Protein backbone atom coordinates (compact mmCIF):
# COMPACT_ATOMS: atom_id res chain seq x y z
CA UNK A 1 71.68 -60.21 -150.66
CA UNK A 2 68.62 -62.28 -151.51
CA UNK A 3 66.40 -61.92 -154.52
CA UNK A 4 62.73 -62.89 -154.17
CA UNK A 5 60.07 -61.55 -156.47
CA UNK A 6 62.34 -58.69 -157.50
CA UNK A 7 62.76 -57.65 -153.86
CA UNK A 8 66.26 -57.27 -152.47
CA UNK A 9 67.31 -57.44 -148.84
CA UNK A 10 70.85 -57.18 -147.52
CA UNK A 11 71.75 -60.33 -145.66
CA UNK A 12 73.93 -60.17 -142.54
CA UNK A 13 76.78 -62.44 -143.56
CA UNK A 14 80.07 -62.31 -141.70
CA UNK A 15 83.42 -62.32 -143.47
CA UNK A 16 86.77 -60.71 -142.82
CA UNK A 17 88.03 -57.62 -144.64
CA UNK A 18 91.80 -57.29 -144.77
CA UNK A 19 94.32 -54.69 -145.90
CA UNK A 20 96.97 -57.38 -146.33
CA UNK A 21 97.75 -58.83 -149.76
CA UNK A 22 95.80 -62.00 -150.47
CA UNK A 23 96.86 -65.00 -152.49
CA UNK A 24 95.83 -64.42 -156.12
CA UNK A 25 95.45 -67.53 -158.25
CA UNK A 26 95.43 -65.43 -161.43
CA UNK A 27 98.77 -63.83 -160.61
CA UNK A 28 100.24 -67.18 -159.67
CA UNK A 29 99.63 -68.40 -163.20
CA UNK A 30 102.06 -65.79 -164.50
CA UNK A 31 105.86 -66.17 -164.63
CA UNK A 32 107.73 -64.37 -161.85
CA UNK A 33 109.34 -61.91 -164.29
CA UNK A 34 105.93 -60.72 -165.52
CA UNK A 35 104.67 -60.35 -161.95
CA UNK A 36 107.74 -58.33 -161.05
CA UNK A 37 107.17 -56.02 -164.02
CA UNK A 38 103.50 -55.62 -163.10
CA UNK A 39 104.40 -54.59 -159.56
CA UNK A 40 106.73 -51.91 -160.91
CA UNK A 41 104.10 -50.65 -163.35
CA UNK A 42 101.39 -50.57 -160.69
CA UNK A 43 102.97 -47.57 -159.00
CA UNK A 44 103.64 -45.65 -162.20
CA UNK A 45 100.59 -46.36 -164.38
CA UNK A 46 98.96 -42.99 -163.62
CA UNK A 47 102.17 -41.10 -164.49
CA UNK A 48 103.25 -43.18 -167.46
CA UNK A 49 100.34 -45.26 -168.82
CA UNK A 50 102.00 -45.66 -172.21
CA UNK A 51 104.78 -47.66 -170.57
CA UNK A 52 102.24 -50.13 -169.18
CA UNK A 53 100.61 -50.47 -172.61
CA UNK A 54 104.04 -50.98 -174.19
CA UNK A 55 105.07 -53.61 -171.65
CA UNK A 56 101.79 -55.48 -172.16
CA UNK A 57 102.63 -55.75 -175.85
CA UNK A 58 105.79 -57.68 -174.95
CA UNK A 59 103.93 -60.36 -173.00
CA UNK A 60 103.56 -63.78 -174.61
CA UNK A 61 100.22 -64.46 -176.25
CA UNK A 62 99.36 -67.34 -173.89
CA UNK A 63 99.19 -64.90 -170.96
CA UNK A 64 97.30 -62.07 -172.65
CA UNK A 65 93.86 -63.13 -171.43
CA UNK A 66 94.97 -63.18 -167.81
CA UNK A 67 92.32 -61.15 -165.91
CA UNK A 68 94.79 -59.18 -163.79
CA UNK A 69 96.85 -58.22 -166.84
CA UNK A 70 93.72 -57.14 -168.71
CA UNK A 71 92.66 -55.12 -165.69
CA UNK A 72 96.04 -53.34 -165.64
CA UNK A 73 95.80 -52.70 -169.37
CA UNK A 74 92.31 -51.22 -169.15
CA UNK A 75 93.50 -48.95 -166.33
CA UNK A 76 96.46 -47.82 -168.43
CA UNK A 77 94.26 -46.96 -171.42
CA UNK A 78 91.95 -45.07 -169.07
CA UNK A 79 94.85 -42.99 -167.70
CA UNK A 80 95.98 -42.47 -171.29
CA UNK A 81 92.51 -41.01 -171.97
CA UNK A 82 91.72 -43.68 -174.56
CA UNK A 83 88.33 -44.45 -173.06
CA UNK A 84 87.01 -46.47 -175.98
CA UNK A 85 90.02 -48.78 -175.88
CA UNK A 86 89.70 -49.07 -172.10
CA UNK A 87 86.06 -50.12 -172.51
CA UNK A 88 87.03 -52.64 -175.17
CA UNK A 89 89.52 -54.27 -172.79
CA UNK A 90 87.03 -54.25 -169.89
CA UNK A 91 84.43 -56.02 -172.04
CA UNK A 92 87.03 -58.53 -173.25
CA UNK A 93 88.08 -59.24 -169.67
CA UNK A 94 84.50 -59.91 -168.63
CA UNK A 95 83.89 -62.20 -171.61
CA UNK A 96 87.09 -64.17 -170.97
CA UNK A 97 87.09 -64.15 -167.15
CA UNK A 98 83.55 -63.97 -165.81
CA UNK A 99 84.49 -65.33 -162.40
CA UNK A 100 87.01 -62.56 -161.75
CA UNK A 101 85.46 -59.99 -159.40
CA UNK A 102 87.04 -56.90 -160.94
CA UNK A 103 86.05 -58.05 -164.42
CA UNK A 104 82.45 -58.09 -163.15
CA UNK A 105 82.76 -54.74 -161.38
CA UNK A 106 84.39 -52.91 -164.29
CA UNK A 107 81.93 -54.27 -166.83
CA UNK A 108 78.98 -53.41 -164.59
CA UNK A 109 80.30 -49.84 -164.40
CA UNK A 110 80.03 -49.60 -168.19
CA UNK A 111 76.50 -51.03 -168.08
CA UNK A 112 75.45 -48.48 -165.46
CA UNK A 113 76.91 -45.62 -167.49
CA UNK A 114 74.98 -46.86 -170.53
CA UNK A 115 71.74 -47.18 -168.52
CA UNK A 116 71.75 -50.95 -169.09
CA UNK A 117 70.63 -51.67 -165.53
CA UNK A 118 69.01 -55.05 -166.17
CA UNK A 119 72.43 -56.42 -167.14
CA UNK A 120 73.71 -56.04 -163.56
CA UNK A 121 71.52 -58.89 -162.31
CA UNK A 122 73.02 -61.16 -164.97
CA UNK A 123 76.62 -60.12 -164.28
CA UNK A 124 76.37 -60.98 -160.59
CA UNK A 125 73.96 -63.89 -161.05
CA UNK A 126 71.48 -62.16 -158.75
CA UNK A 127 73.97 -62.37 -155.86
CA UNK A 128 74.43 -58.89 -154.46
CA UNK A 129 76.61 -59.81 -151.48
CA UNK A 130 80.28 -60.81 -151.63
CA UNK A 131 79.90 -63.95 -149.55
CA UNK A 132 77.02 -65.18 -151.68
CA UNK A 133 78.99 -64.50 -154.85
CA UNK A 134 82.05 -66.35 -153.54
CA UNK A 135 80.72 -68.72 -150.84
CA UNK A 136 84.03 -70.57 -150.37
CA UNK A 137 85.89 -67.40 -149.44
CA UNK A 138 86.03 -66.09 -145.87
CA UNK A 139 88.39 -63.15 -146.38
CA UNK A 140 88.17 -60.30 -148.88
CA UNK A 141 90.66 -57.56 -149.61
CA UNK A 142 89.64 -53.99 -148.79
CA UNK A 143 89.72 -53.07 -152.51
CA UNK A 144 87.28 -55.88 -153.28
CA UNK A 145 85.01 -54.78 -150.45
CA UNK A 146 85.04 -51.09 -151.43
CA UNK A 147 84.61 -51.55 -155.17
CA UNK A 148 81.91 -54.20 -154.90
CA UNK A 149 79.76 -52.39 -152.35
CA UNK A 150 80.23 -49.10 -154.17
CA UNK A 151 78.95 -50.53 -157.46
CA UNK A 152 76.05 -52.22 -155.67
CA UNK A 153 75.09 -48.98 -153.95
CA UNK A 154 75.22 -47.13 -157.24
CA UNK A 155 73.15 -49.80 -158.97
CA UNK A 156 70.35 -49.72 -156.41
CA UNK A 157 70.42 -45.93 -156.40
CA UNK A 158 70.06 -45.86 -160.19
CA UNK A 159 67.06 -48.21 -160.15
CA UNK A 160 65.35 -46.16 -157.47
CA UNK A 161 65.83 -48.54 -154.53
CA UNK A 162 67.27 -45.88 -152.24
CA UNK A 163 66.94 -47.77 -148.97
CA UNK A 164 68.91 -50.70 -150.40
CA UNK A 165 71.55 -48.27 -151.69
CA UNK A 166 71.85 -46.79 -148.19
CA UNK A 167 72.61 -50.22 -146.75
CA UNK A 168 75.67 -50.47 -148.98
CA UNK A 169 76.68 -46.92 -148.10
CA UNK A 170 76.46 -47.77 -144.40
CA UNK A 171 78.76 -50.76 -144.93
CA UNK A 172 81.31 -48.55 -146.68
CA UNK A 173 80.98 -45.85 -144.04
CA UNK A 174 81.58 -48.34 -141.24
CA UNK A 175 84.87 -49.59 -142.73
CA UNK A 176 86.21 -46.62 -144.73
CA UNK A 177 84.24 -43.39 -144.05
CA UNK A 178 86.76 -41.17 -145.85
CA UNK A 179 87.33 -43.34 -148.90
CA UNK A 180 86.44 -41.87 -152.30
CA UNK A 181 83.89 -44.65 -152.96
CA UNK A 182 82.10 -43.85 -149.70
CA UNK A 183 82.13 -40.11 -150.39
CA UNK A 184 80.75 -40.53 -153.93
CA UNK A 185 77.85 -42.66 -152.74
CA UNK A 186 77.15 -40.26 -149.88
CA UNK A 187 76.98 -37.35 -152.33
CA UNK A 188 74.27 -39.19 -154.29
CA UNK A 189 72.26 -40.39 -151.31
CA UNK A 190 72.68 -37.36 -149.06
CA UNK A 191 73.18 -34.32 -151.30
CA UNK A 192 74.05 -31.00 -149.69
CA UNK A 193 71.36 -28.34 -149.25
CA UNK A 194 72.86 -26.36 -152.14
CA UNK A 195 72.83 -29.42 -154.42
CA UNK A 196 69.24 -30.28 -153.43
CA UNK A 197 68.16 -26.76 -154.35
CA UNK A 198 70.06 -27.05 -157.62
CA UNK A 199 68.33 -30.33 -158.46
CA UNK A 200 64.91 -28.88 -157.68
CA UNK A 201 65.51 -25.67 -159.61
CA UNK A 202 63.28 -25.57 -162.72
CA UNK A 203 65.02 -25.25 -166.04
CA UNK A 204 64.45 -21.84 -167.57
CA UNK A 205 63.11 -21.95 -171.12
CA UNK A 206 65.50 -20.75 -173.77
CA UNK A 207 64.53 -17.42 -175.27
CA UNK A 208 64.99 -16.93 -178.97
CA UNK A 209 66.59 -13.81 -180.39
CA UNK A 210 63.21 -12.79 -181.79
CA UNK A 211 61.47 -12.43 -178.42
């Protein structure tokens, strides 16, 4: 993406999207035992989020600001329906690890929910394309691709730049047409006939008991 005079255009920049696990410098900073525990928790966090939260409490203080660990913890609190705590961890992760893509994405989600749209430009430094955000990288994981382009599509949709939002949707559709991120963006950009009628339907005034 380029940003000139508040105008955004999607640049055609080639990079590879892979489904294979990529080297993660943040994980490599953690002891093997912690990484092993995290892998086990990854598959059970939705069924037993409290276990993830409990295990995080056992981790040494020097590792507690690790972006991947904080991301896991926020996810666990979310599954545990403690949304305020999840938000607190997401914000902390962004403040401590601003270069970490998922810290940016998760924090931007909060900003979008709060209607704080102008913050998105700051979070991504005006770089709305993965390759521009991380110019030294040539390969991105599918999860990075899906989450990033989904949040970008949502952002441009929310600020009324529908054509830009459609460009991100088309990227998602090309790679993963059936993915939940693609479907959610499609629902916003191309609502069904029933939903369009529902959106256009005027709100009926409430009648008081005295009428």
